[in-house]
């Protein structure tokens, strides 16, 4: 059994967590463990409004 399957099983996860959320959480945790600075830069993308258009120069700045 893979880690994703374990996290996605109903008795191992919050009631609201979906398979997609479990996958994203695993990826973000791996990124944080691998490179904290890159993880922090990715997290900062969350401060943008939902309808923000992020062009390449803006993404590079963020």
N, C-alpha and C. Protein backbone atom coordinates (compact mmCIF):
# COMPACT_ATOMS: atom_id res chain seq x y z
N UNK A 1 0.84 -1.18 0.00
CA UNK A 1 0.00 0.00 0.00
C UNK A 1 0.89 1.24 0.00
N UNK A 2 0.56 2.17 -0.86
CA UNK A 2 1.33 3.41 -0.92
C UNK A 2 0.87 4.38 0.15
N UNK A 3 1.68 5.38 0.39
CA UNK A 3 1.33 6.40 1.39
C UNK A 3 0.05 7.13 1.01
N UNK A 4 -0.15 7.42 -0.27
CA UNK A 4 -1.36 8.12 -0.72
C UNK A 4 -2.59 7.29 -0.40
N UNK A 5 -2.53 6.00 -0.65
CA UNK A 5 -3.67 5.15 -0.34
C UNK A 5 -3.95 5.15 1.15
N UNK A 6 -2.91 5.12 1.95
CA UNK A 6 -3.09 5.13 3.40
C UNK A 6 -3.76 6.42 3.85
N UNK A 7 -3.28 7.55 3.35
CA UNK A 7 -3.85 8.83 3.74
C UNK A 7 -5.28 8.96 3.23
N UNK A 8 -5.58 8.36 2.09
CA UNK A 8 -6.88 8.52 1.48
C UNK A 8 -7.95 7.59 2.06
N UNK A 9 -7.55 6.58 2.79
CA UNK A 9 -8.54 5.68 3.38
C UNK A 9 -9.35 6.43 4.43
N UNK A 10 -10.65 6.21 4.48
CA UNK A 10 -11.51 6.98 5.39
C UNK A 10 -11.07 6.95 6.84
N UNK A 11 -10.59 5.83 7.34
CA UNK A 11 -10.23 5.76 8.76
C UNK A 11 -8.86 6.38 9.05
N UNK A 12 -8.14 6.83 8.03
CA UNK A 12 -6.83 7.46 8.21
C UNK A 12 -6.84 8.94 7.88
N UNK A 13 -7.97 9.51 7.58
CA UNK A 13 -7.99 10.91 7.14
C UNK A 13 -9.15 11.66 7.76
N UNK A 14 -9.07 12.98 7.71
CA UNK A 14 -10.20 13.81 8.12
C UNK A 14 -11.37 13.51 7.20
N UNK A 15 -12.53 13.72 7.69
CA UNK A 15 -13.72 13.44 6.90
C UNK A 15 -13.76 14.28 5.63
N UNK A 16 -13.26 15.51 5.69
CA UNK A 16 -13.35 16.42 4.53
C UNK A 16 -12.23 16.23 3.52
N UNK A 17 -11.18 15.51 3.86
CA UNK A 17 -10.02 15.42 2.97
C UNK A 17 -10.33 14.53 1.77
N UNK A 18 -10.02 15.02 0.59
CA UNK A 18 -10.23 14.26 -0.63
C UNK A 18 -8.93 13.61 -1.07
N UNK A 19 -9.03 12.75 -2.07
CA UNK A 19 -7.83 12.13 -2.63
C UNK A 19 -6.89 13.20 -3.20
N UNK A 20 -7.45 14.22 -3.85
CA UNK A 20 -6.63 15.29 -4.40
C UNK A 20 -5.93 16.05 -3.28
N UNK A 21 -6.64 16.36 -2.23
CA UNK A 21 -6.04 17.08 -1.10
C UNK A 21 -4.93 16.25 -0.47
N UNK A 22 -5.15 14.96 -0.34
CA UNK A 22 -4.12 14.07 0.22
C UNK A 22 -2.89 14.07 -0.66
N UNK A 23 -3.08 14.03 -1.97
CA UNK A 23 -1.97 14.04 -2.92
C UNK A 23 -1.19 15.35 -2.82
N UNK A 24 -1.91 16.47 -2.79
CA UNK A 24 -1.25 17.76 -2.67
C UNK A 24 -0.49 17.89 -1.36
N UNK A 25 -1.09 17.41 -0.27
CA UNK A 25 -0.41 17.47 1.02
C UNK A 25 0.87 16.65 1.01
N UNK A 26 0.83 15.47 0.41
CA UNK A 26 2.04 14.65 0.31
C UNK A 26 3.11 15.36 -0.50
N UNK A 27 2.71 15.97 -1.61
CA UNK A 27 3.67 16.67 -2.46
C UNK A 27 4.27 17.88 -1.74
N UNK A 28 3.42 18.65 -1.06
CA UNK A 28 3.92 19.83 -0.34
C UNK A 28 4.83 19.44 0.81
N UNK A 29 4.48 18.37 1.52
CA UNK A 29 5.35 17.91 2.61
C UNK A 29 6.70 17.45 2.07
N UNK A 30 6.69 16.76 0.94
CA UNK A 30 7.95 16.31 0.34
C UNK A 30 8.77 17.51 -0.11
N UNK A 31 8.11 18.51 -0.70
CA UNK A 31 8.82 19.71 -1.14
C UNK A 31 9.43 20.44 0.06
N UNK A 32 8.67 20.55 1.13
CA UNK A 32 9.17 21.23 2.33
C UNK A 32 10.38 20.48 2.91
N UNK A 33 10.30 19.16 2.93
CA UNK A 33 11.42 18.36 3.44
C UNK A 33 12.65 18.48 2.55
N UNK A 34 12.42 18.60 1.23
CA UNK A 34 13.52 18.65 0.27
C UNK A 34 14.18 20.03 0.20
N UNK A 35 13.35 21.09 0.17
CA UNK A 35 13.88 22.45 0.01
C UNK A 35 12.91 23.45 0.62
N UNK A 36 13.17 23.85 1.84
CA UNK A 36 12.27 24.75 2.57
C UNK A 36 12.06 26.08 1.85
N UNK A 37 13.12 26.62 1.26
CA UNK A 37 12.99 27.92 0.57
C UNK A 37 12.04 27.81 -0.62
N UNK A 38 12.16 26.76 -1.40
CA UNK A 38 11.26 26.57 -2.55
C UNK A 38 9.83 26.39 -2.06
N UNK A 39 9.66 25.63 -0.99
CA UNK A 39 8.33 25.42 -0.41
C UNK A 39 7.72 26.75 0.03
N UNK A 40 8.50 27.60 0.71
CA UNK A 40 8.00 28.90 1.15
C UNK A 40 7.61 29.77 -0.04
N UNK A 41 8.40 29.75 -1.09
CA UNK A 41 8.08 30.53 -2.29
C UNK A 41 6.78 30.04 -2.92
N UNK A 42 6.58 28.74 -2.95
CA UNK A 42 5.34 28.19 -3.50
C UNK A 42 4.14 28.60 -2.64
N UNK A 43 4.31 28.54 -1.33
CA UNK A 43 3.23 28.89 -0.42
C UNK A 43 2.81 30.35 -0.59
N UNK A 44 3.77 31.23 -0.89
CA UNK A 44 3.44 32.64 -1.09
C UNK A 44 2.50 32.86 -2.26
N UNK A 45 2.42 31.92 -3.19
CA UNK A 45 1.46 32.05 -4.29
C UNK A 45 0.02 32.06 -3.77
N UNK A 46 -0.18 31.52 -2.58
CA UNK A 46 -1.51 31.48 -1.98
C UNK A 46 -2.05 32.83 -1.54
N UNK A 47 -1.23 33.87 -1.51
CA UNK A 47 -1.70 35.19 -1.10
C UNK A 47 -2.38 35.93 -2.25
N UNK A 48 -2.29 35.40 -3.43
CA UNK A 48 -2.90 36.05 -4.59
C UNK A 48 -4.40 35.78 -4.63
N UNK A 49 -5.19 36.73 -5.12
CA UNK A 49 -6.62 36.49 -5.29
C UNK A 49 -6.85 35.33 -6.27
N UNK A 50 -7.99 34.68 -6.13
CA UNK A 50 -8.31 33.53 -6.99
C UNK A 50 -8.28 33.86 -8.47
N UNK A 51 -8.65 35.09 -8.83
CA UNK A 51 -8.74 35.44 -10.25
C UNK A 51 -7.47 36.12 -10.77
N UNK A 52 -6.40 36.10 -10.00
CA UNK A 52 -5.16 36.74 -10.43
C UNK A 52 -4.54 35.99 -11.61
N UNK A 53 -4.05 36.74 -12.57
CA UNK A 53 -3.34 36.15 -13.70
C UNK A 53 -1.85 36.25 -13.39
N UNK A 54 -1.20 35.10 -13.35
CA UNK A 54 0.22 35.07 -13.00
C UNK A 54 1.03 34.78 -14.25
N UNK A 55 1.65 35.82 -14.78
CA UNK A 55 2.52 35.67 -15.95
C UNK A 55 3.90 35.19 -15.46
N UNK A 56 4.70 34.73 -16.37
CA UNK A 56 6.02 34.19 -16.03
C UNK A 56 6.88 35.18 -15.24
N UNK A 57 6.95 36.47 -15.63
CA UNK A 57 7.77 37.40 -14.85
C UNK A 57 7.27 37.55 -13.39
N UNK A 58 5.95 37.57 -13.23
CA UNK A 58 5.41 37.68 -11.89
C UNK A 58 5.72 36.43 -11.07
N UNK A 59 5.58 35.27 -11.67
CA UNK A 59 5.89 34.02 -10.99
C UNK A 59 7.36 33.98 -10.59
N UNK A 60 8.22 34.47 -11.46
CA UNK A 60 9.66 34.49 -11.14
C UNK A 60 9.93 35.41 -9.96
N UNK A 61 9.22 36.53 -9.91
CA UNK A 61 9.40 37.46 -8.80
C UNK A 61 8.90 36.85 -7.50
N UNK A 62 7.74 36.21 -7.58
CA UNK A 62 7.19 35.58 -6.38
C UNK A 62 8.08 34.45 -5.91
